[in-house]
Protein backbone atom coordinates (compact mmCIF):
# COMPACT_ATOMS: atom_id res chain seq x y z
CA MET A 1 123.12 121.51 91.17
CA LYS A 2 121.38 118.50 92.77
CA LEU A 3 118.05 117.20 91.51
CA PHE A 4 117.17 115.25 94.67
CA ASP A 5 118.67 114.01 97.93
CA ALA A 6 119.54 110.31 97.78
CA GLU A 7 120.10 110.02 101.54
CA LYS A 8 116.65 108.39 101.93
CA TYR A 9 118.01 105.45 99.90
CA ARG A 10 121.11 105.01 102.10
CA GLY A 11 122.41 101.45 102.14
CA LYS A 12 119.79 100.23 99.67
CA ARG A 13 119.96 98.52 96.27
CA VAL A 14 118.50 100.82 93.63
CA ILE A 15 117.74 99.95 90.00
CA VAL A 16 117.20 102.97 87.74
CA ALA A 17 114.79 102.47 84.82
CA LEU A 18 116.94 103.82 81.97
CA SER A 19 115.38 104.60 78.59
CA GLY A 20 118.28 106.71 77.33
CA GLY A 21 116.21 109.91 77.30
CA VAL A 22 117.41 113.01 79.11
CA ASP A 23 115.18 112.43 82.16
CA SER A 24 116.39 108.91 82.94
CA VAL A 25 120.03 109.77 82.13
CA CYS A 26 119.90 112.65 84.62
CA LEU A 27 118.27 110.39 87.22
CA LEU A 28 120.99 107.76 86.79
CA HIS A 29 123.75 110.39 86.89
CA SER A 30 122.36 111.98 90.04
CA PHE A 31 122.22 108.59 91.76
CA ARG A 32 125.78 107.85 90.56
CA GLU A 33 127.03 111.12 92.07
CA GLN A 34 125.48 110.29 95.44
CA ALA A 35 125.83 106.48 95.50
CA GLY A 36 129.24 106.47 97.19
CA PRO A 37 128.47 108.87 100.06
CA SER A 38 125.07 107.24 100.63
CA CYS A 39 126.36 103.64 100.31
CA ILE A 40 123.86 102.88 97.55
CA SER A 41 124.28 99.78 95.41
CA LEU A 42 123.35 101.13 91.98
CA SER A 43 122.36 99.38 88.76
CA ALA A 44 120.19 100.15 85.72
CA LEU A 45 117.43 98.45 83.76
CA HIS A 46 116.63 99.02 80.09
CA ILE A 47 113.47 97.59 78.54
CA GLU A 48 113.44 97.28 74.75
CA HIS A 49 109.78 97.22 73.71
CA GLY A 50 110.26 96.30 70.05
CA ILE A 51 108.14 99.25 68.99
CA ARG A 52 110.49 101.60 67.08
CA GLY A 53 112.63 99.19 65.07
CA GLU A 54 116.24 100.33 64.56
CA GLU A 55 115.75 103.37 66.76
CA SER A 56 114.77 101.12 69.65
CA VAL A 57 117.93 99.04 69.13
CA ARG A 58 119.95 102.28 68.99
CA ASP A 59 118.58 103.32 72.39
CA MET A 60 119.53 99.94 73.84
CA GLN A 61 123.08 100.23 72.50
CA PHE A 62 123.35 103.76 73.90
CA CYS A 63 122.32 102.56 77.37
CA LYS A 64 124.85 99.73 77.21
CA ALA A 65 127.66 102.11 76.24
CA LEU A 66 126.67 104.69 78.88
CA CYS A 67 126.51 102.19 81.71
CA SER A 68 129.81 100.64 80.62
CA GLU A 69 131.47 104.07 80.66
CA TRP A 70 130.02 104.94 84.07
CA GLY A 71 130.74 101.51 85.56
CA ILE A 72 127.10 100.76 86.32
CA PRO A 73 125.69 97.21 85.93
CA LEU A 74 122.90 97.11 83.33
CA VAL A 75 120.07 94.61 82.93
CA ILE A 76 118.32 94.50 79.54
CA ARG A 77 114.87 93.04 78.94
CA SER A 78 113.42 92.73 75.42
CA VAL A 79 109.66 92.39 74.96
CA ASP A 80 107.72 92.31 71.68
CA VAL A 81 104.90 94.65 72.67
CA PRO A 82 103.40 94.90 69.13
CA ARG A 83 103.03 91.12 69.07
CA ILE A 84 101.28 91.15 72.46
CA VAL A 85 98.85 93.81 71.21
CA ALA A 86 98.23 91.87 67.99
CA GLU A 87 97.46 88.69 69.94
CA GLN A 88 95.60 90.12 72.93
CA GLY A 89 94.34 93.48 71.69
CA GLY A 90 94.62 96.71 73.60
CA ASN A 91 96.41 100.02 73.34
CA LEU A 92 100.13 100.07 72.44
CA GLU A 93 101.03 102.73 75.03
CA GLU A 94 99.08 101.08 77.82
CA THR A 95 100.42 97.62 77.01
CA ALA A 96 104.01 98.89 77.00
CA ARG A 97 103.42 100.52 80.38
CA SER A 98 101.88 97.32 81.76
CA VAL A 99 104.89 95.34 80.54
CA ARG A 100 107.32 97.77 82.18
CA TYR A 101 105.63 97.66 85.54
CA SER A 102 105.27 93.90 85.42
CA ILE A 103 109.06 93.69 85.01
CA PHE A 104 109.65 96.25 87.81
CA GLU A 105 107.40 94.38 90.21
CA SER A 106 108.92 91.01 89.29
CA MET A 107 112.43 92.26 90.06
CA LEU A 108 111.30 93.63 93.40
CA GLU A 109 109.45 90.42 94.28
CA LYS A 110 112.50 88.32 93.43
CA GLY A 111 114.67 90.50 95.65
CA ASP A 112 116.87 91.86 92.85
CA ALA A 113 116.60 95.34 94.37
CA ASP A 114 115.06 97.31 97.21
CA PHE A 115 113.83 100.07 94.89
CA VAL A 116 113.15 100.61 91.20
CA ALA A 117 113.49 104.33 90.39
CA THR A 118 111.69 105.90 87.43
CA ALA A 119 112.37 109.35 85.98
CA HIS A 120 108.84 110.78 86.15
CA HIS A 121 108.89 114.52 86.80
CA ALA A 122 106.49 117.40 87.43
CA GLU A 123 105.24 117.67 83.84
CA ASP A 124 104.45 113.95 83.85
CA VAL A 125 102.22 114.49 86.90
CA ALA A 126 100.47 117.45 85.26
CA GLU A 127 99.93 115.48 82.03
CA THR A 128 98.43 112.60 83.97
CA VAL A 129 96.05 114.84 85.89
CA LEU A 130 94.76 116.45 82.68
CA PHE A 131 94.54 113.12 80.85
CA ARG A 132 92.50 111.50 83.63
CA LEU A 133 90.23 114.50 84.01
CA ALA A 134 89.50 114.38 80.28
CA ARG A 135 88.86 110.64 80.38
CA GLY A 136 86.76 110.84 83.54
CA THR A 137 87.89 110.02 87.06
CA GLY A 138 87.34 110.68 90.76
CA ILE A 139 89.66 111.99 93.43
CA SER A 140 91.58 108.69 93.49
CA GLY A 141 92.56 109.23 89.86
CA MET A 142 93.91 112.68 90.76
CA ARG A 143 96.65 111.03 92.80
CA ALA A 144 98.37 110.82 89.40
CA ILE A 145 101.88 109.35 89.66
CA THR A 146 102.70 108.00 93.10
CA GLU A 147 105.32 105.85 94.76
CA TYR A 148 104.28 102.38 95.86
CA GLY A 149 105.69 98.96 96.70
CA GLY A 150 109.36 99.79 96.10
CA ILE A 151 108.75 101.84 92.92
CA VAL A 152 110.09 105.34 93.62
CA ARG A 153 110.07 108.66 91.70
CA PRO A 154 112.92 110.89 92.95
CA LEU A 155 112.29 113.57 90.28
CA LEU A 156 108.58 114.20 90.88
CA THR A 157 109.19 117.71 92.20
CA CYS A 158 111.59 118.61 89.36
CA THR A 159 110.45 120.46 86.26
CA ARG A 160 111.58 119.58 82.76
CA ALA A 161 113.51 122.86 82.66
CA GLU A 162 115.43 121.93 85.82
CA ILE A 163 116.27 118.51 84.40
CA GLU A 164 117.51 119.99 81.12
CA ALA A 165 119.59 122.55 83.06
CA TYR A 166 121.15 119.68 85.02
CA ALA A 167 121.95 117.81 81.79
CA ALA A 168 123.59 120.95 80.37
CA GLU A 169 125.62 121.57 83.52
CA TYR A 170 127.15 118.09 83.40
CA ASP A 171 127.15 117.85 79.59
CA LEU A 172 125.22 114.58 79.73
CA PRO A 173 124.59 112.62 76.51
CA HIS A 174 121.15 111.23 75.76
CA VAL A 175 118.97 109.98 72.92
CA GLU A 176 115.66 111.35 71.67
CA ASP A 177 112.63 109.14 71.13
CA SER A 178 111.20 110.24 67.78
CA THR A 179 107.69 109.22 68.85
CA ASN A 180 107.77 111.98 71.51
CA ALA A 181 107.06 114.44 68.68
CA ASP A 182 104.07 112.47 67.40
CA GLU A 183 100.97 114.24 68.70
CA ASN A 184 98.77 111.35 67.65
CA TYR A 185 99.82 109.96 71.03
CA THR A 186 97.52 111.52 73.64
CA ARG A 187 100.18 112.28 76.21
CA ASN A 188 102.44 113.89 73.59
CA TYR A 189 99.59 116.18 72.57
CA ILE A 190 98.98 117.15 76.18
CA ARG A 191 102.71 117.72 76.76
CA ARG A 192 103.39 119.69 73.59
CA THR A 193 100.13 121.59 73.08
CA VAL A 194 97.78 121.52 76.08
CA LEU A 195 100.23 122.21 78.91
CA PRO A 196 101.91 125.13 77.10
CA ALA A 197 98.44 126.59 76.51
CA PHE A 198 97.69 126.30 80.21
CA GLU A 199 100.98 128.03 81.01
CA LYS A 200 99.95 130.90 78.72
CA ILE A 201 96.62 131.19 80.52
CA HIS A 202 98.33 131.20 83.90
CA GLY A 203 102.04 131.02 84.50
CA GLY A 204 102.89 128.19 86.91
CA ALA A 205 99.92 126.07 85.84
CA THR A 206 102.08 122.95 85.70
CA ARG A 207 103.34 123.46 89.23
CA HIS A 208 99.79 124.08 90.46
CA LEU A 209 98.59 120.82 88.87
CA VAL A 210 101.40 118.97 90.67
CA GLU A 211 100.41 120.59 93.98
CA PHE A 212 96.78 119.65 93.34
CA ALA A 213 97.78 116.02 92.72
CA ALA A 214 99.70 115.94 96.03
CA LEU A 215 96.73 117.42 97.91
CA ALA A 216 94.36 114.96 96.21
CA ALA A 217 96.60 112.08 97.31
CA GLU A 218 96.42 113.22 100.95
CA GLU A 219 92.65 113.64 100.89
CA ASP A 220 92.16 110.38 99.03
CA ALA A 221 94.22 108.50 101.64
CA PHE A 222 92.17 110.08 104.44
CA LEU A 223 88.84 109.17 102.83
CA GLN A 224 90.13 105.67 102.13
CA ARG A 225 90.94 105.12 105.81
CA LEU A 226 87.47 106.35 106.81
CA ALA A 227 85.81 104.05 104.27
CA GLU A 228 87.83 100.99 105.29
CA ASP A 229 87.12 101.62 108.98
CA ALA A 230 83.39 101.84 108.23
CA ILE A 231 83.22 98.31 106.78
CA LEU A 232 81.88 95.65 109.16
CA HIS A 233 83.26 92.12 108.83
CA ILE A 234 80.54 89.64 109.76
CA ALA A 235 80.85 85.88 109.29
CA GLY A 236 83.16 86.19 106.30
CA GLU A 237 81.08 88.95 104.69
CA GLU A 238 81.66 92.71 104.35
CA TRP A 239 78.77 94.96 105.42
CA VAL A 240 78.47 98.65 104.52
CA SER A 241 75.94 100.90 106.25
CA VAL A 242 73.47 102.64 103.95
CA ARG A 243 73.56 105.56 106.42
CA LEU A 244 77.10 106.50 105.44
CA PRO A 245 77.58 109.79 103.59
CA GLU A 246 77.30 109.12 99.87
CA VAL A 247 81.01 109.66 99.16
CA LEU A 248 82.03 107.19 101.90
CA PHE A 249 79.33 104.69 100.97
CA ALA A 250 80.53 104.51 97.36
CA ARG A 251 84.17 104.26 98.43
CA ALA A 252 83.46 101.55 101.01
CA CYS A 253 81.52 99.53 98.42
CA LEU A 254 84.44 99.84 96.04
CA CYS A 255 86.76 98.56 98.79
CA CYS A 256 84.54 95.48 99.09
CA MET A 257 84.51 94.92 95.33
CA ARG A 258 88.07 95.71 94.28
CA PRO A 259 89.92 92.66 95.70
CA TYR A 260 87.51 90.32 93.92
CA ALA A 261 87.08 92.03 90.54
CA ARG A 262 88.92 91.52 87.28
CA GLU A 263 91.38 94.28 86.46
CA GLY A 264 89.15 97.11 85.34
CA GLY A 265 86.12 94.86 85.91
CA TYR A 266 84.33 97.24 88.25
CA SER A 267 83.05 100.71 87.52
CA ARG A 268 80.83 103.55 88.64
CA ALA A 269 78.00 101.61 87.00
CA ASN A 270 78.47 98.80 89.55
CA ILE A 271 78.30 101.33 92.37
CA GLY A 272 75.12 102.72 90.81
CA GLU A 273 73.52 99.27 90.83
CA ILE A 274 74.41 98.86 94.51
CA GLU A 275 72.99 102.29 95.37
CA LYS A 276 69.69 101.23 93.79
CA LEU A 277 69.40 98.55 96.52
CA ILE A 278 69.12 101.14 99.30
CA PRO A 279 65.35 101.83 99.07
CA LEU A 280 64.48 98.21 98.19
CA ARG A 281 63.33 95.41 100.47
CA ILE A 282 65.70 93.26 102.48
CA GLY A 283 67.12 90.38 100.45
CA THR A 284 67.20 92.20 97.10
CA LYS A 285 70.59 91.63 95.47
CA VAL A 286 72.75 92.38 92.43
CA SER A 287 75.58 90.30 90.98
CA LEU A 288 79.14 91.65 90.93
CA PRO A 289 82.22 91.08 88.77
CA VAL A 290 84.41 88.17 89.84
CA PRO A 291 88.14 87.61 89.20
CA TYR A 292 89.62 85.45 86.49
CA GLY A 293 90.28 81.93 87.72
CA THR A 294 87.32 81.91 90.12
CA ARG A 295 85.52 78.58 90.22
CA GLY A 296 82.56 78.64 87.89
CA ASP A 297 80.19 77.57 90.67
CA LEU A 298 80.92 80.69 92.74
CA ALA A 299 79.12 84.00 92.30
CA ARG A 300 79.56 87.28 94.20
CA TYR A 301 76.65 89.47 95.22
CA ALA A 302 75.70 92.66 97.04
CA VAL A 303 72.46 92.31 98.99
CA ARG A 304 70.26 94.61 101.08
CA GLU A 305 70.45 93.50 104.72
CA ARG A 306 68.64 95.61 107.33
CA GLU A 307 70.47 98.98 107.30
CA HIS A 308 73.42 97.59 105.36
CA ILE A 309 74.58 96.28 102.02
CA ALA A 310 76.31 92.93 102.49
CA PHE A 311 78.92 91.63 100.04
CA TYR A 312 79.20 87.85 99.91
CA TRP A 313 80.09 84.77 97.90
CA GLU A 314 77.48 82.18 97.10
CA GLU A 315 77.95 78.72 95.72
CA LYS A 316 75.48 78.06 92.91
CA ASP A 317 73.14 75.14 93.65
CA ALA A 318 74.95 74.53 96.97
CA PRO A 319 73.61 71.42 98.74
CA ARG A 320 71.98 71.81 102.16
CA PRO A 321 74.59 71.27 104.93
CA PRO A 322 74.20 67.83 106.55
CA GLU A 323 72.68 67.65 110.00
CA CYS A 324 74.61 66.23 112.94
CA PRO A 325 73.61 65.04 116.43
CA PHE A 326 73.59 67.69 119.16
CA ARG A 327 75.27 66.68 122.39
CA PRO A 328 74.53 69.01 125.32
CA GLU A 329 78.12 69.09 126.47
CA ALA A 330 81.26 71.11 125.73
CA GLY A 331 82.34 70.83 122.11
CA LEU A 332 82.72 72.46 118.70
CA TYR A 333 80.35 72.31 115.74
CA ALA A 334 81.72 73.18 112.29
CA SER A 335 78.55 73.14 110.20
CA PRO A 336 76.45 74.84 108.95
CA ALA A 337 78.32 77.71 110.64
CA PRO A 338 80.97 77.29 113.35
CA PHE A 339 79.89 77.58 116.98
CA ALA A 340 80.84 76.13 120.36
CA VAL A 341 79.12 74.78 123.45
CA ARG A 342 80.72 75.58 126.81
CA GLU A 343 79.67 74.50 130.30
CA ILE A 344 80.02 77.17 132.98
CA ALA A 345 79.77 77.19 136.76
CA THR A 346 76.18 77.35 137.98
CA PHE A 347 77.04 79.40 141.06
CA SER A 348 77.87 82.42 138.84
CA ILE A 349 74.32 82.58 137.47
CA ASP A 350 72.52 85.94 137.64
CA LEU A 351 68.86 85.43 136.85
CA ALA A 352 68.12 89.15 137.26
CA ASP A 353 70.55 89.97 134.45
CA LEU A 354 69.02 87.30 132.25
CA LYS A 355 65.56 88.79 132.75
CA LYS A 356 66.86 92.27 131.93
CA THR A 357 68.30 91.11 128.62
CA GLY A 358 65.46 88.76 127.84
CA GLY A 359 68.07 86.04 127.47
CA ASN A 360 68.99 87.48 124.06
CA THR A 361 72.77 87.67 123.73
CA ARG A 362 75.07 86.54 120.95
CA GLU A 363 76.04 83.72 123.29
CA LEU A 364 72.90 81.93 124.47
CA THR A 365 72.89 80.87 128.14
CA VAL A 366 70.95 77.61 128.41
CA ASP A 367 70.07 74.73 130.71
CA LEU A 368 72.07 71.93 129.05
CA ASP A 369 69.93 69.23 130.66
CA ALA A 370 66.70 70.72 129.27
CA PHE A 371 67.39 69.67 125.67
CA PRO A 372 65.48 66.47 124.86
CA GLU A 373 67.33 63.45 123.52
CA GLY A 374 67.53 63.23 119.73
CA CYS A 375 68.25 66.91 119.03
CA VAL A 376 70.28 67.70 115.90
CA VAL A 377 72.15 70.70 114.52
CA ARG A 378 70.89 71.74 111.09
CA THR A 379 69.56 74.70 109.10
CA ARG A 380 65.92 75.79 109.21
CA ARG A 381 63.18 73.93 107.37
CA GLU A 382 59.64 74.72 106.34
CA GLY A 383 57.29 74.01 109.24
CA ASP A 384 59.84 74.72 111.99
CA MET A 385 58.30 76.16 115.16
CA ILE A 386 59.84 77.97 118.13
CA THR A 387 58.64 79.25 121.49
CA PRO A 388 61.07 82.11 122.05
CA TYR A 389 62.30 83.07 125.50
CA HIS A 390 59.34 84.64 127.37
CA ALA A 391 57.35 84.97 124.12
CA PRO A 392 54.47 83.17 122.36
CA ARG A 393 54.97 80.19 120.09
CA ARG A 394 55.24 80.94 116.35
CA THR A 395 56.76 79.65 113.15
CA LEU A 396 60.52 80.04 112.89
CA LYS A 397 60.02 81.87 109.60
CA LYS A 398 57.80 84.51 111.25
CA PHE A 399 60.18 84.78 114.20
CA LEU A 400 63.13 85.51 111.90
CA THR A 401 61.06 88.01 109.90
CA ASP A 402 60.04 89.77 113.12
CA ARG A 403 63.72 89.97 114.05
CA LYS A 404 64.44 91.51 110.61
CA ILE A 405 66.69 88.60 109.70
CA SER A 406 66.56 88.05 105.96
CA ALA A 407 65.71 84.71 104.40
CA ARG A 408 69.29 84.55 103.04
CA LEU A 409 70.83 84.77 106.51
CA GLY A 410 68.07 82.73 108.09
CA ARG A 411 68.90 79.83 105.78
CA LYS A 412 72.52 79.88 107.01
CA LEU A 413 71.88 80.02 110.75
CA PRO A 414 72.47 76.80 112.71
CA VAL A 415 69.46 75.67 114.70
CA ILE A 416 69.21 73.02 117.39
CA ALA A 417 65.99 71.11 116.90
CA LYS A 418 64.13 67.85 117.34
CA GLY A 419 61.70 67.21 114.55
CA SER A 420 60.09 70.57 113.78
CA GLU A 421 60.59 71.96 117.29
CA VAL A 422 63.47 74.44 117.47
CA TYR A 423 65.21 74.85 120.83
CA ALA A 424 67.86 77.36 119.81
CA VAL A 425 68.77 79.54 116.86
CA VAL A 426 72.52 79.86 117.40
CA GLY A 427 73.60 83.44 118.01
CA VAL A 428 69.99 84.71 117.96
CA GLU A 429 67.48 83.13 120.35
CA LEU A 430 66.73 80.15 122.57
CA SER A 431 63.47 78.38 123.33
CA ASP A 432 61.71 79.14 126.60
CA SER A 433 61.90 75.43 127.40
CA VAL A 434 65.72 75.42 127.66
CA LYS A 435 66.13 78.68 129.62
CA VAL A 436 68.14 78.77 132.83
CA THR A 437 66.09 78.54 136.05
CA GLU A 438 66.76 78.25 139.78
CA ASN A 439 66.72 74.47 139.30
CA THR A 440 69.37 74.40 136.58
CA VAL A 441 72.22 72.00 137.36
CA ARG A 442 74.38 72.38 134.26
CA ARG A 443 74.48 75.86 132.76
CA GLY A 444 76.00 76.24 129.31
CA VAL A 445 76.73 78.84 126.71
CA ILE A 446 76.07 78.30 123.02
CA GLY A 447 77.63 80.66 120.49
């Protein structure tokens, strides 16, 4: 009898997470049986959580004796989980799990192994699905127990009965964790009472829950790709269209929030606050969770922008960017937002095309010699005026409003101006007085 095929781990270094229970002993034994033919470098890891007193020490001694007998290197880590809970609060089960995975990930990051293998099996998947459904979750939570980042689960398709049959066939020793019988622990109650009840209702319920989790993982991955592809990246911000289907909109917003939120610091409530922005006016915003260690002068927001929600950082009480002289020649400008000036050959000019587009492109084609001396690069100010390309003169504020550019973005746009007269709004519009004509000698592009 073989629980899994280890060929996929050929030539790799595998550490088996060994508790001493029947599941992990069978996992280690199955790897040991296949390590030689598959050229696997095998070792084991035992984590002593300090939770069960003498019984916990007994399990550690058992793992040491077993690995010594089987000739398998063993690494032992001891962590006082009750002390961590006493000092930091939290749930004992969840803290122990967090400690375990922190150790797994640390060993992988340090290059101690290519894979850490855990003994999770089909019933573990079913328990997790039921637990998360009871607690409240979406389709992502239905992915249950998955492999990621070097943490592998070779027994996920095996039932507890198959594992116990394997242990009997090879007469494998193991130890029993007395807390597994304590139904005050939620997962124990699900394992010992709820799942058997489901099996009575419909034989094969456990297997069906495992199949559902696998299907949910596939669909979740597909939706995730759609959501990520729908996010626009504009000037260091993430923009999500309000026209997306609701399920993709919520998922895309979560993608924009997750990298910047504290662990568990975002929720459906945050998504609800963002959804409330959809019918509101441009510029309306809500604040979002930020990660630990973020500078206190930085805040993160979601804001209504045209047909999108934009996610951005904002420095509290940020000073106005300094102005700098504008030189109508090739060069780079770093502030208030990066842009470049390039000179291009006049003979390639196409005035007909310029008239068709109204001169409005992301890169503004201008007559470099038409800018008056004394122009500067700065952000907009009250009282600024502009005479847009082939359009009447108006205030810059009204022009930006007409273009449906919010005050937030308008404040960030670089403008080229002398006094209150604006000759170009970089990336948006140029003044009629600096347009390209038949008499232009030096044609340039700003953008």
